[in-house]
């Protein structure tokens, strides 16, 4: 629905470009995008200077119409330099610039190929894009070439204000964060599988749900809340303490 971002009646581009619109859904604790943004350097600049920005200009010119990214500038907006060079074309598909799906499910993984997720099944036979051991259900997910294309598109949004060395370093650190949090989730999953095998909870192998008993809820906290905080703080270039003590690595390791 267009109204998710533009609101009915006014259909305002200005509203869609401000992070408060995205906050309607992306506020946490499982998807802490807004609170990470608010605590980041980008969010601080928005808070200080947004009253000076032009939220209606098309294309949206980096360094003239606005001086720090909002959710829209990174994910969907048509951006240009002050010399008139187009950095990235407009999109209305929110994952066009995202190689990784970092929240919502057990492991971070490449985005699904299609919006309809109902056909997805893992090798475990579960309706999930990854197996319990972290393997990807590859036939349902975008391939490495598409991931690379989406990464280059996202990096183009950064080039309005950052040099290549900063951009490359940022995304190397982010991909390391994905590996790190997926590894922690795998450790937690292996512990949970021991719990299932000893009959202390009933998992899918015993005909039960993997999400409804106390050890399973602790396991869920690790990947649904804490790994997501770590990944969002890494992906969004800051976020204060959300990657560490504020529901990040400290809480993840404590739950583990």
Protein backbone atom coordinates (compact mmCIF):
# COMPACT_ATOMS: atom_id res chain seq x y z
CA UNK A 1 0.00 0.00 0.00
CA UNK A 2 1.32 3.45 -0.92
CA UNK A 3 -0.21 4.73 2.33
CA UNK A 4 2.37 2.84 4.37
CA UNK A 5 4.87 5.61 3.57
CA UNK A 6 2.97 8.47 1.91
CA UNK A 7 -0.22 8.57 4.03
CA UNK A 8 -3.66 9.05 2.57
CA UNK A 9 -5.05 12.43 1.44
CA UNK A 10 -1.78 14.40 1.37
CA UNK A 11 0.34 11.67 -0.32
CA UNK A 12 3.39 13.58 0.90
CA UNK A 13 6.90 12.87 -0.38
CA UNK A 14 8.17 14.92 2.56
CA UNK A 15 6.48 12.55 5.00
CA UNK A 16 7.86 9.49 3.21
CA UNK A 17 11.42 10.87 3.33
CA UNK A 18 11.46 11.43 7.09
CA UNK A 19 12.49 8.58 9.42
CA UNK A 20 9.40 8.93 11.61
CA UNK A 21 7.39 7.21 8.87
CA UNK A 22 9.65 4.16 8.97
CA UNK A 23 9.48 4.25 12.77
CA UNK A 24 5.83 3.24 12.54
CA UNK A 25 7.04 -0.35 12.03
CA UNK A 26 10.84 -0.46 12.39
CA UNK A 27 11.29 0.44 16.03
CA UNK A 28 12.15 -2.88 17.70
CA UNK A 29 13.02 -4.79 19.70
CA UNK A 30 13.30 -7.30 16.86
CA UNK A 31 13.98 -4.63 14.21
CA UNK A 32 15.64 -1.72 16.04
CA UNK A 33 16.22 0.42 12.94
CA UNK A 34 14.81 3.70 14.25
CA UNK A 35 16.46 3.67 17.66
CA UNK A 36 19.81 2.72 16.09
CA UNK A 37 19.41 5.53 13.54
CA UNK A 38 18.42 8.01 16.23
CA UNK A 39 21.57 7.21 18.21
CA UNK A 40 23.87 7.27 15.17
CA UNK A 41 25.85 10.22 13.81
CA UNK A 42 23.45 10.35 10.84
CA UNK A 43 20.46 10.50 13.18
CA UNK A 44 22.11 13.19 15.26
CA UNK A 45 22.67 15.30 12.14
CA UNK A 46 19.05 14.80 11.09
CA UNK A 47 17.85 15.90 14.51
CA UNK A 48 20.04 19.02 14.38
CA UNK A 49 19.61 20.12 10.77
CA UNK A 50 16.45 18.64 9.24
CA UNK A 51 14.64 21.96 9.59
CA UNK A 52 17.09 23.37 7.02
CA UNK A 53 16.60 20.57 4.47
CA UNK A 54 14.38 20.46 1.38
CA UNK A 55 12.36 17.25 1.58
CA UNK A 56 10.41 17.93 -1.63
CA UNK A 57 13.19 18.34 -4.21
CA UNK A 58 13.47 15.85 -7.09
CA UNK A 59 16.07 14.56 -7.54
CA UNK A 60 17.19 14.77 -3.93
CA UNK A 61 20.63 16.41 -4.07
CA UNK A 62 23.16 15.28 -1.49
CA UNK A 63 24.93 18.19 0.17
CA UNK A 64 22.36 20.76 -0.96
CA UNK A 65 18.86 19.46 -0.20
CA UNK A 66 20.05 17.38 2.77
CA UNK A 67 23.38 16.67 4.46
CA UNK A 68 22.88 13.30 6.18
CA UNK A 69 20.92 10.22 5.12
CA UNK A 70 17.45 9.26 6.24
CA UNK A 71 15.92 5.83 5.70
CA UNK A 72 14.49 6.93 2.35
CA UNK A 73 17.77 8.27 0.97
CA UNK A 74 19.52 4.96 1.58
CA UNK A 75 16.70 2.67 0.52
CA UNK A 76 14.45 4.24 -2.11
CA UNK A 77 15.14 7.85 -3.13
CA UNK A 78 16.49 9.24 -6.41
CA UNK A 79 19.80 10.84 -5.36
CA UNK A 80 22.09 13.21 -7.24
CA UNK A 81 25.31 15.12 -6.61
CA UNK A 82 25.51 18.91 -6.64
CA UNK A 83 26.99 18.56 -10.16
CA UNK A 84 23.81 16.85 -11.32
CA UNK A 85 25.22 13.31 -11.52
CA UNK A 86 22.67 10.66 -10.58
CA UNK A 87 24.04 8.50 -7.79
CA UNK A 88 21.15 6.05 -7.65
CA UNK A 89 17.73 5.76 -9.26
CA UNK A 90 14.47 5.80 -7.32
CA UNK A 91 12.99 2.47 -6.24
CA UNK A 92 9.83 1.49 -4.40
CA UNK A 93 11.06 -2.00 -3.54
CA UNK A 94 12.75 -1.63 -0.18
CA UNK A 95 15.30 -4.40 -0.66
CA UNK A 96 16.62 -3.26 -4.08
CA UNK A 97 19.77 -1.98 -2.35
CA UNK A 98 20.05 -4.77 0.22
CA UNK A 99 22.14 -7.88 -0.44
CA UNK A 100 21.38 -9.35 3.02
CA UNK A 101 18.17 -9.86 4.95
CA UNK A 102 19.41 -9.24 8.49
CA UNK A 103 16.34 -9.49 10.69
CA UNK A 104 13.22 -11.51 11.31
CA UNK A 105 14.50 -15.06 11.05
CA UNK A 106 17.12 -17.32 12.58
CA UNK A 107 20.18 -16.45 10.46
CA UNK A 108 21.01 -13.43 8.31
CA UNK A 109 20.70 -14.63 4.70
CA UNK A 110 20.40 -13.39 1.11
CA UNK A 111 17.03 -11.86 0.35
CA UNK A 112 14.28 -14.10 -1.07
CA UNK A 113 13.89 -13.97 -4.85
CA UNK A 114 10.15 -13.35 -4.64
CA UNK A 115 7.83 -11.38 -2.38
CA UNK A 116 5.65 -14.47 -1.90
CA UNK A 117 7.47 -16.42 0.82
CA UNK A 118 4.99 -19.28 1.11
CA UNK A 119 6.89 -21.70 -1.20
CA UNK A 120 10.14 -21.42 0.80
CA UNK A 121 11.26 -24.59 2.57
CA UNK A 122 14.61 -25.44 4.14
CA UNK A 123 16.40 -28.76 3.87
CA UNK A 124 14.99 -29.50 7.34
CA UNK A 125 11.51 -29.37 5.81
CA UNK A 126 10.62 -26.18 7.71
CA UNK A 127 9.09 -23.08 6.07
CA UNK A 128 12.31 -21.11 6.62
CA UNK A 129 14.95 -19.61 4.27
CA UNK A 130 17.75 -21.29 6.22
CA UNK A 131 18.17 -24.69 7.78
CA UNK A 132 18.80 -25.02 11.51
CA UNK A 133 22.53 -25.43 10.80
CA UNK A 134 22.61 -22.09 8.99
CA UNK A 135 22.60 -23.38 5.42
CA UNK A 136 20.70 -21.28 2.90
CA UNK A 137 17.66 -22.50 0.97
CA UNK A 138 19.51 -21.22 -2.11
CA UNK A 139 16.93 -21.98 -4.77
CA UNK A 140 14.55 -19.50 -3.08
CA UNK A 141 17.11 -16.75 -2.43
CA UNK A 142 18.94 -14.24 -4.62
CA UNK A 143 22.29 -15.43 -5.98
CA UNK A 144 25.75 -13.97 -5.34
CA UNK A 145 25.66 -11.89 -8.53
CA UNK A 146 22.39 -10.23 -7.49
CA UNK A 147 23.77 -9.64 -4.00
CA UNK A 148 26.82 -7.93 -5.47
CA UNK A 149 24.66 -5.74 -7.73
CA UNK A 150 22.51 -4.66 -4.79
CA UNK A 151 25.60 -3.97 -2.70
CA UNK A 152 27.05 -1.72 -5.43
CA UNK A 153 23.74 0.17 -5.61
CA UNK A 154 23.72 0.75 -1.85
CA UNK A 155 27.36 1.83 -1.91
CA UNK A 156 26.48 4.41 -4.57
CA UNK A 157 24.23 6.16 -2.04
CA UNK A 158 27.24 6.55 0.27
CA UNK A 159 29.44 8.14 -2.40
CA UNK A 160 27.62 11.43 -2.12
CA UNK A 161 29.48 12.07 1.15
CA UNK A 162 32.10 9.32 1.66
CA UNK A 163 35.25 8.13 -0.10
CA UNK A 164 35.73 4.61 -1.43
CA UNK A 165 38.10 3.51 1.35
CA UNK A 166 35.53 4.42 4.01
CA UNK A 167 32.74 2.69 2.08
CA UNK A 168 34.72 -0.51 1.49
CA UNK A 169 35.80 -0.64 5.12
CA UNK A 170 32.27 -0.13 6.37
CA UNK A 171 30.83 -2.97 4.32
CA UNK A 172 33.72 -5.33 5.16
CA UNK A 173 33.00 -4.77 8.84
CA UNK A 174 29.29 -5.30 8.26
CA UNK A 175 29.82 -8.63 6.50
CA UNK A 176 32.12 -9.70 9.34
CA UNK A 177 29.28 -8.85 11.74
CA UNK A 178 26.96 -11.12 9.74
CA UNK A 179 29.45 -13.99 9.99
CA UNK A 180 29.96 -13.36 13.71
CA UNK A 181 26.26 -13.21 14.63
CA UNK A 182 25.39 -16.21 12.46
CA UNK A 183 28.18 -18.18 14.19
CA UNK A 184 26.78 -17.25 17.63
CA UNK A 185 23.31 -18.30 16.48
CA UNK A 186 24.68 -21.62 15.26
CA UNK A 187 26.26 -22.25 18.67
CA UNK A 188 22.92 -21.49 20.33
CA UNK A 189 21.11 -23.77 17.89
CA UNK A 190 23.50 -26.65 18.57
CA UNK A 191 22.85 -26.26 22.31
CA UNK A 192 19.12 -26.24 21.68
CA UNK A 193 19.40 -29.40 19.58
CA UNK A 194 21.11 -31.09 22.55
CA UNK A 195 18.19 -29.98 24.73
CA UNK A 196 15.76 -31.51 22.22
CA UNK A 197 17.73 -34.74 21.99
CA UNK A 198 17.71 -35.11 25.78
CA UNK A 199 13.95 -34.62 25.90
CA UNK A 200 14.07 -31.38 27.88
CA UNK A 201 11.96 -29.66 25.21
CA UNK A 202 10.18 -30.85 22.09
CA UNK A 203 11.51 -29.58 18.78
CA UNK A 204 10.38 -30.34 15.22
CA UNK A 205 12.06 -33.76 15.34
CA UNK A 206 9.74 -34.72 18.18
CA UNK A 207 6.65 -33.26 16.54
CA UNK A 208 6.78 -30.02 18.48
CA UNK A 209 7.20 -26.36 17.61
CA UNK A 210 10.74 -24.95 17.78
CA UNK A 211 9.45 -21.68 19.27
CA UNK A 212 7.17 -22.33 22.25
CA UNK A 213 9.15 -23.65 25.25
CA UNK A 214 11.44 -21.85 27.68
CA UNK A 215 14.82 -22.96 26.23
CA UNK A 216 13.48 -22.16 22.76
CA UNK A 217 12.43 -18.68 23.87
CA UNK A 218 15.97 -18.03 25.18
CA UNK A 219 17.33 -19.28 21.83
CA UNK A 220 14.91 -16.95 20.03
CA UNK A 221 16.09 -13.96 22.08
CA UNK A 222 19.64 -14.61 20.87
CA UNK A 223 18.84 -14.30 17.15
CA UNK A 224 15.57 -12.34 17.13
CA UNK A 225 16.62 -9.57 19.51
CA UNK A 226 20.35 -9.49 20.28
CA UNK A 227 21.91 -10.60 16.98
CA UNK A 228 19.58 -8.15 15.23
CA UNK A 229 20.74 -5.27 17.44
CA UNK A 230 24.37 -6.08 16.65
CA UNK A 231 23.67 -6.26 12.92
CA UNK A 232 21.63 -3.05 12.75
CA UNK A 233 24.25 -1.10 14.72
CA UNK A 234 26.88 -2.36 12.27
CA UNK A 235 24.79 -1.82 9.12
CA UNK A 236 23.76 1.74 10.01
CA UNK A 237 27.24 3.09 10.75
CA UNK A 238 26.83 3.66 14.45
CA UNK A 239 23.89 3.37 16.74
CA UNK A 240 25.69 4.16 19.95
CA UNK A 241 25.69 1.26 22.38
CA UNK A 242 23.08 -0.91 20.64
CA UNK A 243 25.79 -3.14 19.19
CA UNK A 244 27.30 -3.88 22.62
CA UNK A 245 25.52 -3.40 25.97
CA UNK A 246 22.11 -2.06 24.89
CA UNK A 247 20.68 -5.45 23.85
CA UNK A 248 23.72 -6.24 21.67
CA UNK A 249 26.77 -8.46 22.12
CA UNK A 250 26.73 -8.42 25.93
CA UNK A 251 23.12 -9.63 26.09
CA UNK A 252 23.72 -12.14 23.29
CA UNK A 253 26.66 -13.74 25.10
CA UNK A 254 24.83 -13.66 28.45
CA UNK A 255 21.85 -15.53 26.97
CA UNK A 256 24.20 -17.99 25.29
